[in-house]
Amino acid sequence: MEYTAHTIQKLSWQRSQFIFSRLIRLLLKRSDRTLQEQRRKVEAKLAGCDLRDLRDDLCL
C-alpha cells in the first residue's frame, strides 16, 4: 500500500489527537482522584472535630 504525503500527515494528525485526548482523560482522572482524597480528609476532620478547630484549616 502506497502512502501519499497527505495520508501520512492525516494519520499522524489522528494519532496526535488520540494521544492528546488520552492524556487529557488521564489528567482529569488524576485531578478527580485528588479532589476526592481532599474531600475525604476534610470529612474525616469534620467527623471528629469542633468546627472552630477547623477554621484555620479551611481559611474561614
PDB file of N, CA and C in Angstrom:
ATOM      1  N   MET A   1       0.847  -1.179   0.000  1.00  0.00           N
ATOM      2  CA  MET A   1       0.000   0.000   0.000  1.00  0.00           C
ATOM      3  C   MET A   1       0.892   1.241   0.000  1.00  0.00           C
ATOM      4  N   GLU A   2       0.595   2.107  -0.913  1.00  0.00           N
ATOM      5  CA  GLU A   2       1.416   3.304  -1.052  1.00  0.00           C
ATOM      6  C   GLU A   2       0.760   4.475  -0.321  1.00  0.00           C
ATOM      7  N   TYR A   3       1.524   5.108   0.547  1.00  0.00           N
ATOM      8  CA  TYR A   3       1.010   6.250   1.296  1.00  0.00           C
ATOM      9  C   TYR A   3       1.462   7.541   0.632  1.00  0.00           C
ATOM     10  N   THR A   4       0.514   8.434   0.461  1.00  0.00           N
ATOM     11  CA  THR A   4       0.869   9.760  -0.033  1.00  0.00           C
ATOM     12  C   THR A   4       1.236  10.629   1.166  1.00  0.00           C
ATOM     13  N   ALA A   5       1.851  11.746   0.891  1.00  0.00           N
ATOM     14  CA  ALA A   5       2.237  12.661   1.971  1.00  0.00           C
ATOM     15  C   ALA A   5       1.003  13.112   2.748  1.00  0.00           C
ATOM     16  N   HIS A   6      -0.097  13.318   2.019  1.00  0.00           N
ATOM     17  CA  HIS A   6      -1.338  13.756   2.669  1.00  0.00           C
ATOM     18  C   HIS A   6      -1.863  12.677   3.620  1.00  0.00           C
ATOM     19  N   THR A   7      -1.827  11.432   3.187  1.00  0.00           N
ATOM     20  CA  THR A   7      -2.302  10.325   4.022  1.00  0.00           C
ATOM     21  C   THR A   7      -1.445  10.188   5.272  1.00  0.00           C
ATOM     22  N   ILE A   8      -0.136  10.284   5.099  1.00  0.00           N
ATOM     23  CA  ILE A   8       0.774  10.183   6.246  1.00  0.00           C
ATOM     24  C   ILE A   8       0.512  11.327   7.220  1.00  0.00           C
ATOM     25  N   GLN A   9       0.314  12.523   6.678  1.00  0.00           N
ATOM     26  CA  GLN A   9       0.040  13.680   7.531  1.00  0.00           C
ATOM     27  C   GLN A   9      -1.277  13.488   8.283  1.00  0.00           C
ATOM     28  N   LYS A  10      -2.287  12.961   7.586  1.00  0.00           N
ATOM     29  CA  LYS A  10      -3.592  12.733   8.209  1.00  0.00           C
ATOM     30  C   LYS A  10      -3.483  11.689   9.323  1.00  0.00           C
ATOM     31  N   LEU A  11      -2.777  10.598   9.065  1.00  0.00           N
ATOM     32  CA  LEU A  11      -2.597   9.554  10.078  1.00  0.00           C
ATOM     33  C   LEU A  11      -1.833  10.096  11.283  1.00  0.00           C
ATOM     34  N   SER A  12      -0.825  10.901  11.017  1.00  0.00           N
ATOM     35  CA  SER A  12      -0.041  11.496  12.094  1.00  0.00           C
ATOM     36  C   SER A  12      -0.916  12.423  12.939  1.00  0.00           C
ATOM     37  N   TRP A  13      -1.774  13.196  12.279  1.00  0.00           N
ATOM     38  CA  TRP A  13      -2.677  14.105  12.988  1.00  0.00           C
ATOM     39  C   TRP A  13      -3.666  13.317  13.844  1.00  0.00           C
ATOM     40  N   GLN A  14      -4.218  12.235  13.290  1.00  0.00           N
ATOM     41  CA  GLN A  14      -5.166  11.415  14.040  1.00  0.00           C
ATOM     42  C   GLN A  14      -4.493  10.790  15.258  1.00  0.00           C
ATOM     43  N   ARG A  15      -3.283  10.342  15.090  1.00  0.00           N
ATOM     44  CA  ARG A  15      -2.551   9.741  16.206  1.00  0.00           C
ATOM     45  C   ARG A  15      -2.263  10.789  17.281  1.00  0.00           C
ATOM     46  N   SER A  16      -1.888  11.979  16.853  1.00  0.00           N
ATOM     47  CA  SER A  16      -1.638  13.065  17.810  1.00  0.00           C
ATOM     48  C   SER A  16      -2.904  13.411  18.587  1.00  0.00           C
ATOM     49  N   GLN A  17      -4.031  13.460  17.888  1.00  0.00           N
ATOM     50  CA  GLN A  17      -5.300  13.748  18.551  1.00  0.00           C
ATOM     51  C   GLN A  17      -5.630  12.667  19.577  1.00  0.00           C
ATOM     52  N   PHE A  18      -5.412  11.404  19.209  1.00  0.00           N
ATOM     53  CA  PHE A  18      -5.695  10.296  20.117  1.00  0.00           C
ATOM     54  C   PHE A  18      -4.829  10.396  21.367  1.00  0.00           C
ATOM     55  N   ILE A  19      -3.543  10.622  21.171  1.00  0.00           N
ATOM     56  CA  ILE A  19      -2.619  10.712  22.308  1.00  0.00           C
ATOM     57  C   ILE A  19      -3.003  11.892  23.203  1.00  0.00           C
ATOM     58  N   PHE A  20      -3.333  13.018  22.597  1.00  0.00           N
ATOM     59  CA  PHE A  20      -3.700  14.201  23.364  1.00  0.00           C
ATOM     60  C   PHE A  20      -4.981  13.970  24.160  1.00  0.00           C
ATOM     61  N   SER A  21      -5.988  13.358  23.532  1.00  0.00           N
ATOM     62  CA  SER A  21      -7.242  13.109  24.243  1.00  0.00           C
ATOM     63  C   SER A  21      -7.041  12.115  25.379  1.00  0.00           C
ATOM     64  N   ARG A  22      -6.170  11.137  25.154  1.00  0.00           N
ATOM     65  CA  ARG A  22      -5.866  10.153  26.205  1.00  0.00           C
ATOM     66  C   ARG A  22      -5.166  10.830  27.389  1.00  0.00           C
ATOM     67  N   LEU A  23      -4.248  11.723  27.092  1.00  0.00           N
ATOM     68  CA  LEU A  23      -3.535  12.456  28.134  1.00  0.00           C
ATOM     69  C   LEU A  23      -4.497  13.307  28.958  1.00  0.00           C
ATOM     70  N   ILE A  24      -5.412  13.982  28.291  1.00  0.00           N
ATOM     71  CA  ILE A  24      -6.396  14.805  28.998  1.00  0.00           C
ATOM     72  C   ILE A  24      -7.258  13.938  29.909  1.00  0.00           C
ATOM     73  N   ARG A  25      -7.701  12.776  29.403  1.00  0.00           N
ATOM     74  CA  ARG A  25      -8.509  11.872  30.236  1.00  0.00           C
ATOM     75  C   ARG A  25      -7.745  11.437  31.481  1.00  0.00           C
ATOM     76  N   LEU A  26      -6.473  11.113  31.314  1.00  0.00           N
ATOM     77  CA  LEU A  26      -5.664  10.691  32.462  1.00  0.00           C
ATOM     78  C   LEU A  26      -5.503  11.824  33.473  1.00  0.00           C
ATOM     79  N   LEU A  27      -5.276  13.040  32.977  1.00  0.00           N
ATOM     80  CA  LEU A  27      -5.132  14.185  33.879  1.00  0.00           C
ATOM     81  C   LEU A  27      -6.429  14.473  34.628  1.00  0.00           C
ATOM     82  N   LEU A  28      -7.566  14.345  33.935  1.00  0.00           N
ATOM     83  CA  LEU A  28      -8.848  14.573  34.594  1.00  0.00           C
ATOM     84  C   LEU A  28      -9.101  13.533  35.672  1.00  0.00           C
ATOM     85  N   LYS A  29      -8.767  12.278  35.384  1.00  0.00           N
ATOM     86  CA  LYS A  29      -8.932  11.227  36.391  1.00  0.00           C
ATOM     87  C   LYS A  29      -8.069  11.525  37.605  1.00  0.00           C
ATOM     88  N   ARG A  30      -6.853  11.958  37.347  1.00  0.00           N
ATOM     89  CA  ARG A  30      -5.920  12.237  38.439  1.00  0.00           C
ATOM     90  C   ARG A  30      -6.423  13.396  39.300  1.00  0.00           C
ATOM     91  N   SER A  31      -6.886  14.470  38.664  1.00  0.00           N
ATOM     92  CA  SER A  31      -7.367  15.616  39.436  1.00  0.00           C
ATOM     93  C   SER A  31      -8.637  15.251  40.199  1.00  0.00           C
ATOM     94  N   ASP A  32      -9.498  14.416  39.597  1.00  0.00           N
ATOM     95  CA  ASP A  32     -10.711  13.970  40.278  1.00  0.00           C
ATOM     96  C   ASP A  32     -10.348  13.148  41.509  1.00  0.00           C
ATOM     97  N   ARG A  33      -9.368  12.285  41.369  1.00  0.00           N
ATOM     98  CA  ARG A  33      -8.920  11.457  42.488  1.00  0.00           C
ATOM     99  C   ARG A  33      -8.351  12.334  43.603  1.00  0.00           C
ATOM    100  N   THR A  34      -7.580  13.354  43.232  1.00  0.00           N
ATOM    101  CA  THR A  34      -7.009  14.274  44.221  1.00  0.00           C
ATOM    102  C   THR A  34      -8.115  15.011  44.967  1.00  0.00           C
ATOM    103  N   LEU A  35      -9.137  15.465  44.234  1.00  0.00           N
ATOM    104  CA  LEU A  35     -10.253  16.158  44.879  1.00  0.00           C
ATOM    105  C   LEU A  35     -10.996  15.232  45.833  1.00  0.00           C
ATOM    106  N   GLN A  36     -11.175  13.973  45.430  1.00  0.00           N
ATOM    107  CA  GLN A  36     -11.849  13.010  46.302  1.00  0.00           C
ATOM    108  C   GLN A  36     -11.046  12.772  47.573  1.00  0.00           C
ATOM    109  N   GLU A  37      -9.730  12.684  47.448  1.00  0.00           N
ATOM    110  CA  GLU A  37      -8.877  12.494  48.628  1.00  0.00           C
ATOM    111  C   GLU A  37      -8.973  13.694  49.564  1.00  0.00           C
ATOM    112  N   GLN A  38      -8.962  14.900  49.000  1.00  0.00           N
ATOM    113  CA  GLN A  38      -9.075  16.099  49.828  1.00  0.00           C
ATOM    114  C   GLN A  38     -10.428  16.140  50.530  1.00  0.00           C
ATOM    115  N   ARG A  39     -11.472  15.746  49.812  1.00  0.00           N
ATOM    116  CA  ARG A  39     -12.810  15.736  50.409  1.00  0.00           C
ATOM    117  C   ARG A  39     -12.868  14.747  51.572  1.00  0.00           C
ATOM    118  N   ARG A  40     -12.273  13.559  51.379  1.00  0.00           N
ATOM    119  CA  ARG A  40     -12.258  12.559  52.454  1.00  0.00           C
ATOM    120  C   ARG A  40     -11.528  13.078  53.690  1.00  0.00           C
ATOM    121  N   LYS A  41     -10.422  13.768  53.472  1.00  0.00           N
ATOM    122  CA  LYS A  41      -9.661  14.321  54.602  1.00  0.00           C
ATOM    123  C   LYS A  41     -10.498  15.338  55.373  1.00  0.00           C
ATOM    124  N   VAL A  42     -11.171  16.220  54.636  1.00  0.00           N
ATOM    125  CA  VAL A  42     -11.995  17.241  55.287  1.00  0.00           C
ATOM    126  C   VAL A  42     -13.160  16.584  56.020  1.00  0.00           C
ATOM    127  N   GLU A  43     -13.798  15.580  55.394  1.00  0.00           N
ATOM    128  CA  GLU A  43     -14.911  14.891  56.050  1.00  0.00           C
ATOM    129  C   GLU A  43     -14.443  14.184  57.317  1.00  0.00           C
ATOM    130  N   ALA A  44     -13.250  13.604  57.276  1.00  0.00           N
ATOM    131  CA  ALA A  44     -12.714  12.934  58.464  1.00  0.00           C
ATOM    132  C   ALA A  44     -12.475  13.947  59.585  1.00  0.00           C
ATOM    133  N   LYS A  45     -11.962  15.115  59.221  1.00  0.00           N
ATOM    134  CA  LYS A  45     -11.743  16.153  60.229  1.00  0.00           C
ATOM    135  C   LYS A  45     -13.074  16.628  60.802  1.00  0.00           C
ATOM    136  N   LEU A  46     -14.063  16.799  59.918  1.00  0.00           N
ATOM    137  CA  LEU A  46     -15.369  17.270  60.378  1.00  0.00           C
ATOM    138  C   LEU A  46     -16.027  16.257  61.307  1.00  0.00           C
ATOM    139  N   ALA A  47     -15.809  14.989  61.046  1.00  0.00           N
ATOM    140  CA  ALA A  47     -16.436  13.946  61.859  1.00  0.00           C
ATOM    141  C   ALA A  47     -15.904  13.949  63.287  1.00  0.00           C
ATOM    142  N   GLY A  48     -14.630  14.293  63.461  1.00  0.00           N
ATOM    143  CA  GLY A  48     -14.042  14.177  64.786  1.00  0.00           C
ATOM    144  C   GLY A  48     -13.692  15.477  65.479  1.00  0.00           C
ATOM    145  N   CYS A  49     -14.017  16.617  64.877  1.00  0.00           N
ATOM    146  CA  CYS A  49     -13.555  17.882  65.453  1.00  0.00           C
ATOM    147  C   CYS A  49     -14.690  18.880  65.606  1.00  0.00           C
ATOM    148  N   ASP A  50     -14.407  19.857  66.411  1.00  0.00           N
ATOM    149  CA  ASP A  50     -15.293  21.005  66.538  1.00  0.00           C
ATOM    150  C   ASP A  50     -15.009  21.924  65.344  1.00  0.00           C
ATOM    151  N   LEU A  51     -16.041  22.544  64.812  1.00  0.00           N
ATOM    152  CA  LEU A  51     -15.852  23.412  63.641  1.00  0.00           C
ATOM    153  C   LEU A  51     -14.897  24.563  63.927  1.00  0.00           C
ATOM    154  N   ARG A  52     -14.843  25.025  65.147  1.00  0.00           N
ATOM    155  CA  ARG A  52     -13.933  26.126  65.477  1.00  0.00           C
ATOM    156  C   ARG A  52     -12.471  25.708  65.303  1.00  0.00           C
ATOM    157  N   ASP A  53     -12.195  24.408  65.504  1.00  0.00           N
ATOM    158  CA  ASP A  53     -10.830  23.920  65.316  1.00  0.00           C
ATOM    159  C   ASP A  53     -10.429  23.909  63.841  1.00  0.00           C
ATOM    160  N   LEU A  54     -11.424  23.847  62.966  1.00  0.00           N
ATOM    161  CA  LEU A  54     -11.148  23.753  61.526  1.00  0.00           C
ATOM    162  C   LEU A  54     -11.053  25.114  60.854  1.00  0.00           C
ATOM    163  N   ARG A  55     -11.415  26.155  61.543  1.00  0.00           N
ATOM    164  CA  ARG A  55     -11.474  27.473  60.910  1.00  0.00           C
ATOM    165  C   ARG A  55     -10.155  27.841  60.232  1.00  0.00           C
ATOM    166  N   ASP A  56      -9.046  27.576  60.874  1.00  0.00           N
ATOM    167  CA  ASP A  56      -7.741  27.906  60.293  1.00  0.00           C
ATOM    168  C   ASP A  56      -7.430  27.038  59.084  1.00  0.00           C
ATOM    169  N   ASP A  57      -7.774  25.745  59.146  1.00  0.00           N
ATOM    170  CA  ASP A  57      -7.507  24.844  58.023  1.00  0.00           C
ATOM    171  C   ASP A  57      -8.312  25.213  56.791  1.00  0.00           C
ATOM    172  N   LEU A  58      -9.531  25.678  56.988  1.00  0.00           N
ATOM    173  CA  LEU A  58     -10.415  25.973  55.864  1.00  0.00           C
ATOM    174  C   LEU A  58     -10.334  27.425  55.415  1.00  0.00           C
ATOM    175  N   CYS A  59      -9.454  28.205  56.038  1.00  0.00           N
ATOM    176  CA  CYS A  59      -9.252  29.618  55.685  1.00  0.00           C
ATOM    177  C   CYS A  59     -10.535  30.426  55.829  1.00  0.00           C
ATOM    178  N   LEU A  60     -11.270  30.209  56.900  1.00  0.00           N
ATOM    179  CA  LEU A  60     -12.515  30.958  57.121  1.00  0.00           C
ATOM    180  C   LEU A  60     -12.257  32.178  57.975  1.00  0.00           C
TER     181      LEU A  60
END
